[in-house]
Every structure is written in structure tokens, then in C-alpha cells.
C-alpha atoms as a PDB file:
ATOM      1  CA  MET A   1       4.027   5.505  77.983  1.00  0.00           C
ATOM      2  CA  PHE A   2       6.823   7.231  76.104  1.00  0.00           C
ATOM      3  CA  ALA A   3       6.486  10.942  75.426  1.00  0.00           C
ATOM      4  CA  LEU A   4       8.765  13.264  73.514  1.00  0.00           C
ATOM      5  CA  PRO A   5       9.311  16.827  74.653  1.00  0.00           C
ATOM      6  CA  PHE A   6       7.540  19.412  72.490  1.00  0.00           C
ATOM      7  CA  GLY A   7      10.839  20.690  71.058  1.00  0.00           C
ATOM      8  CA  GLU A   8      11.758  17.194  69.864  1.00  0.00           C
ATOM      9  CA  ILE A   9       8.334  16.694  68.278  1.00  0.00           C
ATOM     10  CA  TYR A  10       8.656  20.046  66.500  1.00  0.00           C
ATOM     11  CA  ARG A  11      12.134  19.142  65.176  1.00  0.00           C
ATOM     12  CA  ASN A  12      10.872  15.765  63.907  1.00  0.00           C
ATOM     13  CA  LEU A  13       7.931  17.399  62.128  1.00  0.00           C
ATOM     14  CA  ALA A  14      10.195  20.034  60.590  1.00  0.00           C
ATOM     15  CA  ALA A  15      12.559  17.325  59.319  1.00  0.00           C
ATOM     16  CA  LEU A  16       9.623  15.458  57.744  1.00  0.00           C
ATOM     17  CA  ALA A  17       8.377  18.629  56.054  1.00  0.00           C
ATOM     18  CA  ARG A  18      11.824  19.251  54.555  1.00  0.00           C
ATOM     19  CA  ARG A  19      11.897  15.741  53.068  1.00  0.00           C
ATOM     20  CA  ARG A  20       8.432  16.042  51.511  1.00  0.00           C
ATOM     21  CA  PRO A  21       8.745  16.884  47.799  1.00  0.00           C
ATOM     22  CA  ARG A  22       8.061  20.520  46.984  1.00  0.00           C
ATOM     23  CA  GLN A  23       5.036  21.020  44.759  1.00  0.00           C
ATOM     24  CA  ALA A  24       5.622  23.182  41.724  1.00  0.00           C
ATOM     25  CA  THR A  25       4.322  26.717  41.641  1.00  0.00           C
ATOM     26  CA  PRO A  26       1.595  27.284  39.020  1.00  0.00           C
ATOM     27  CA  GLN A  27       4.174  28.976  36.768  1.00  0.00           C
ATOM     28  CA  GLU A  28       6.630  26.083  37.100  1.00  0.00           C
ATOM     29  CA  HIS A  29       3.835  23.585  36.460  1.00  0.00           C
ATOM     30  CA  ASP A  30       2.760  25.476  33.305  1.00  0.00           C
ATOM     31  CA  ARG A  31       6.327  25.679  32.022  1.00  0.00           C
ATOM     32  CA  ILE A  32       7.048  21.968  32.582  1.00  0.00           C
ATOM     33  CA  VAL A  33       3.749  20.795  31.041  1.00  0.00           C
ATOM     34  CA  THR A  34       4.227  23.107  28.042  1.00  0.00           C
ATOM     35  CA  ALA A  35       7.740  21.720  27.520  1.00  0.00           C
ATOM     36  CA  PHE A  36       6.359  18.176  27.911  1.00  0.00           C
ATOM     37  CA  TRP A  37       3.855  18.725  25.109  1.00  0.00           C
ATOM     38  CA  SER A  38       6.476  20.389  22.917  1.00  0.00           C
ATOM     39  CA  ALA A  39       8.726  17.329  23.326  1.00  0.00           C
ATOM     40  CA  CYS A  40       5.783  15.059  22.503  1.00  0.00           C
ATOM     41  CA  GLU A  41       4.994  17.050  19.353  1.00  0.00           C
ATOM     42  CA  THR A  42       8.561  16.841  18.091  1.00  0.00           C
ATOM     43  CA  GLY A  43       9.057  13.246  19.222  1.00  0.00           C
ATOM     44  CA  ASP A  44      12.125  14.244  21.235  1.00  0.00           C
ATOM     45  CA  VAL A  45      12.391  11.334  23.662  1.00  0.00           C
ATOM     46  CA  ASN A  46      15.496  12.781  25.366  1.00  0.00           C
ATOM     47  CA  ALA A  47      13.794  16.120  26.052  1.00  0.00           C
ATOM     48  CA  LEU A  48      10.745  14.266  27.312  1.00  0.00           C
ATOM     49  CA  MET A  49      12.801  12.088  29.648  1.00  0.00           C
ATOM     50  CA  SER A  50      14.601  15.173  31.001  1.00  0.00           C
ATOM     51  CA  LEU A  51      11.234  16.524  32.195  1.00  0.00           C
ATOM     52  CA  LEU A  52      10.249  13.303  33.951  1.00  0.00           C
ATOM     53  CA  ASP A  53      11.308  12.186  37.398  1.00  0.00           C
ATOM     54  CA  PRO A  54      13.306   8.933  37.129  1.00  0.00           C
ATOM     55  CA  ASP A  55      10.523   7.227  39.122  1.00  0.00           C
ATOM     56  CA  ALA A  56       7.632   8.858  37.235  1.00  0.00           C
ATOM     57  CA  THR A  57       4.407   6.866  37.127  1.00  0.00           C
ATOM     58  CA  THR A  58       1.759   6.973  34.417  1.00  0.00           C
ATOM     59  CA  LEU A  59      -1.754   5.700  34.998  1.00  0.00           C
ATOM     60  CA  SER A  60      -4.273   5.437  32.193  1.00  0.00           C
ATOM     61  CA  ASP A  61      -7.997   4.842  32.401  1.00  0.00           C
ATOM     62  CA  GLY A  62      -9.852   3.448  29.424  1.00  0.00           C
ATOM     63  CA  GLY A  63     -12.752   2.130  31.488  1.00  0.00           C
ATOM     64  CA  GLY A  64     -12.635  -1.134  29.542  1.00  0.00           C
ATOM     65  CA  LYS A  65     -13.961   0.774  26.536  1.00  0.00           C
ATOM     66  CA  VAL A  66     -10.716   2.128  25.109  1.00  0.00           C
ATOM     67  CA  ARG A  67      -7.490   0.184  24.799  1.00  0.00           C
ATOM     68  CA  THR A  68      -4.825   1.419  27.192  1.00  0.00           C
ATOM     69  CA  ALA A  69      -2.080   0.169  29.521  1.00  0.00           C
ATOM     70  CA  LEU A  70      -3.445  -2.371  31.970  1.00  0.00           C
ATOM     71  CA  HIS A  71      -0.880  -1.609  34.666  1.00  0.00           C
ATOM     72  CA  PRO A  72       0.897   1.529  35.883  1.00  0.00           C
ATOM     73  CA  ILE A  73       3.868   2.542  33.766  1.00  0.00           C
ATOM     74  CA  ARG A  74       6.873   3.268  35.937  1.00  0.00           C
ATOM     75  CA  GLY A  75      10.043   5.159  35.114  1.00  0.00           C
ATOM     76  CA  ALA A  76      10.955   8.116  32.919  1.00  0.00           C
ATOM     77  CA  ASP A  77      12.063   5.965  29.991  1.00  0.00           C
ATOM     78  CA  ARG A  78       8.922   3.818  29.923  1.00  0.00           C
ATOM     79  CA  THR A  79       6.634   6.838  30.439  1.00  0.00           C
ATOM     80  CA  ALA A  80       8.312   8.779  27.616  1.00  0.00           C
ATOM     81  CA  HIS A  81       8.073   5.863  25.203  1.00  0.00           C
ATOM     82  CA  PHE A  82       4.481   5.114  26.201  1.00  0.00           C
ATOM     83  CA  MET A  83       3.393   8.702  25.563  1.00  0.00           C
ATOM     84  CA  LEU A  84       5.209   8.962  22.237  1.00  0.00           C
ATOM     85  CA  GLY A  85       3.913   5.560  21.140  1.00  0.00           C
ATOM     86  CA  ALA A  86       0.329   6.394  22.059  1.00  0.00           C
ATOM     87  CA  LEU A  87       0.493   9.728  20.252  1.00  0.00           C
ATOM     88  CA  SER A  88       2.063   8.269  17.123  1.00  0.00           C
ATOM     89  CA  HIS A  89      -1.094   6.195  16.580  1.00  0.00           C
ATOM     90  CA  GLN A  90      -3.174   9.393  16.540  1.00  0.00           C
ATOM     91  CA  PRO A  91      -1.829  11.497  13.647  1.00  0.00           C
ATOM     92  CA  ALA A  92      -4.823  13.858  13.440  1.00  0.00           C
ATOM     93  CA  LEU A  93      -4.744  14.631  17.157  1.00  0.00           C
ATOM     94  CA  GLU A  94      -5.077  18.248  18.240  1.00  0.00           C
ATOM     95  CA  ALA A  95      -3.843  19.168  21.699  1.00  0.00           C
ATOM     96  CA  THR A  96      -4.534  22.226  23.777  1.00  0.00           C
ATOM     97  CA  LEU A  97      -3.141  23.240  27.121  1.00  0.00           C
ATOM     98  CA  GLN A  98      -6.118  23.757  29.416  1.00  0.00           C
ATOM     99  CA  SER A  99      -6.965  23.719  33.072  1.00  0.00           C
ATOM    100  CA  VAL A 100      -7.457  20.143  34.260  1.00  0.00           C
ATOM    101  CA  ASN A 101      -8.367  19.817  37.929  1.00  0.00           C
ATOM    102  CA  GLY A 102      -7.157  23.373  38.502  1.00  0.00           C
ATOM    103  CA  LYS A 103      -3.719  22.948  36.900  1.00  0.00           C
ATOM    104  CA  THR A 104      -2.424  23.053  33.363  1.00  0.00           C
ATOM    105  CA  GLY A 105      -2.995  19.774  31.570  1.00  0.00           C
ATOM    106  CA  LEU A 106      -3.504  18.514  28.042  1.00  0.00           C
ATOM    107  CA  VAL A 107      -6.819  18.070  26.299  1.00  0.00           C
ATOM    108  CA  LEU A 108      -6.497  15.913  23.202  1.00  0.00           C
ATOM    109  CA  ARG A 109      -9.119  16.087  20.479  1.00  0.00           C
ATOM    110  CA  HIS A 110      -9.803  14.099  17.356  1.00  0.00           C
ATOM    111  CA  ASP A 111     -12.258  15.750  14.953  1.00  0.00           C
ATOM    112  CA  ALA A 112     -13.205  18.244  17.720  1.00  0.00           C
ATOM    113  CA  LEU A 113     -14.175  15.383  20.059  1.00  0.00           C
ATOM    114  CA  VAL A 114     -12.170  15.154  23.294  1.00  0.00           C
ATOM    115  CA  SER A 115     -10.533  11.735  23.224  1.00  0.00           C
ATOM    116  CA  ALA A 116      -8.170  12.108  26.187  1.00  0.00           C
ATOM    117  CA  VAL A 117      -7.422  14.399  29.096  1.00  0.00           C
ATOM    118  CA  VAL A 118      -3.960  14.293  30.639  1.00  0.00           C
ATOM    119  CA  SER A 119      -3.109  15.734  34.032  1.00  0.00           C
ATOM    120  CA  PHE A 120       0.249  15.990  35.748  1.00  0.00           C
ATOM    121  CA  GLN A 121       1.868  16.244  39.141  1.00  0.00           C
ATOM    122  CA  VAL A 122       5.070  18.279  39.100  1.00  0.00           C
ATOM    123  CA  GLN A 123       7.516  18.286  42.010  1.00  0.00           C
ATOM    124  CA  ARG A 124      11.008  19.769  42.100  1.00  0.00           C
ATOM    125  CA  GLU A 125      10.866  20.739  38.401  1.00  0.00           C
ATOM    126  CA  LYS A 126      10.061  17.163  37.312  1.00  0.00           C
ATOM    127  CA  ILE A 127       6.845  15.385  36.360  1.00  0.00           C
ATOM    128  CA  THR A 128       6.276  12.680  38.948  1.00  0.00           C
ATOM    129  CA  ASN A 129       2.813  11.456  37.898  1.00  0.00           C
ATOM    130  CA  VAL A 130       0.876  11.452  34.649  1.00  0.00           C
ATOM    131  CA  TRP A 131      -2.818  10.552  34.563  1.00  0.00           C
ATOM    132  CA  VAL A 132      -4.369   9.827  31.162  1.00  0.00           C
ATOM    133  CA  VAL A 133      -8.166   9.588  31.022  1.00  0.00           C
ATOM    134  CA  LEU A 134      -9.453   7.913  27.859  1.00  0.00           C
ATOM    135  CA  ASN A 135     -12.686   6.488  29.276  1.00  0.00           C
ATOM    136  CA  PRO A 136     -15.502   8.002  27.152  1.00  0.00           C
ATOM    137  CA  ASP A 137     -17.851   7.983  30.148  1.00  0.00           C
ATOM    138  CA  LYS A 138     -15.434  10.151  32.126  1.00  0.00           C
ATOM    139  CA  LEU A 139     -14.906  12.458  29.132  1.00  0.00           C
ATOM    140  CA  ARG A 140     -18.619  13.109  28.671  1.00  0.00           C
ATOM    141  CA  SER A 141     -18.476  16.463  30.484  1.00  0.00           C
ATOM    142  CA  TRP A 142     -15.618  17.554  28.185  1.00  0.00           C
ATOM    143  CA  ASN A 143     -17.816  16.734  25.184  1.00  0.00           C
ATOM    144  CA  HIS A 144     -21.158  18.036  26.500  1.00  0.00           C
ATOM    145  CA  HIS A 145     -21.405  20.576  23.650  1.00  0.00           C
ATOM    146  CA  ARG A 146     -21.615  17.680  21.146  1.00  0.00           C
ATOM    147  CA  ASP A 147     -24.731  16.254  22.833  1.00  0.00           C
ATOM    148  CA  ARG A 148     -26.833  19.265  21.970  1.00  0.00           C
END
């Protein structure tokens, strides 16, 4: 059996921790997501791409009930164009920055009905993951006030 001395194990763990991407602080996360939405509103693809990690991934969930991307969207360019394209088909969309899973995200409404919830992972000042939930079943809790 091969065993490393404790000091070597500690150094290896410290090196791994340094390589792990740093999660954004809540303030950084808010700032990046706010800038993301501002770029979406103005249609500024270059500003949007500057906020995205080159390897950003976007996953969307329509639950088979709402048309959406069937596969993950990878890359800053493809993510930026996907988001702008999806939003351009929704001219009467109202967006608010709200807490989504404990972090700032986007809640998109059409005629006061939540039609999408977007959450983000931000690391090193860049958006690395975007999750877009469009599945009406999963949005039911966001629309519970309409059931009354």
C-alpha cells in the first residue's frame, strides 16, 4: 500500500482548492446578473458575451410542454444568441430580478403570468451556467396566486 505523508496530502489538497473556480460573492453575482439582463434588454450581443465564460453552458427545461432547446447550449457566443433570440420572440415580456434558489435570477412574465425563471452560476466574474425553466408544471409555485 502506498501512503503519502500528511504534509504532501495537505499540499495536494491546497493545490486542488486553488484550481477550483471561485464562486462569486452575492454582490458580484447581483452585479453580473443585472448587467446580463441590461444587455439582453438592449440586444447588445457583445456586452452579453463579455459577461459569459467562453465555455458557458445553458440548459433549458420545457418539460415537453414548451418549445425549447433540446440539447445543452455551449459557449458564450451560442448562449448569447440563444438568449437574445428567445427574448426577441416575446415582445411583451416583463422581467424582474428576484431571488431564485437563494441568488439573484430573472423572473420573466407575460401578462402577469410567470413564463420562465432563469438562474445563473457566476464564477470569477463570468456566468458559467444558465438554467432556464419554462416547464409550466415547474412554474406552478411561481404562479400560485393565479390559482385562487
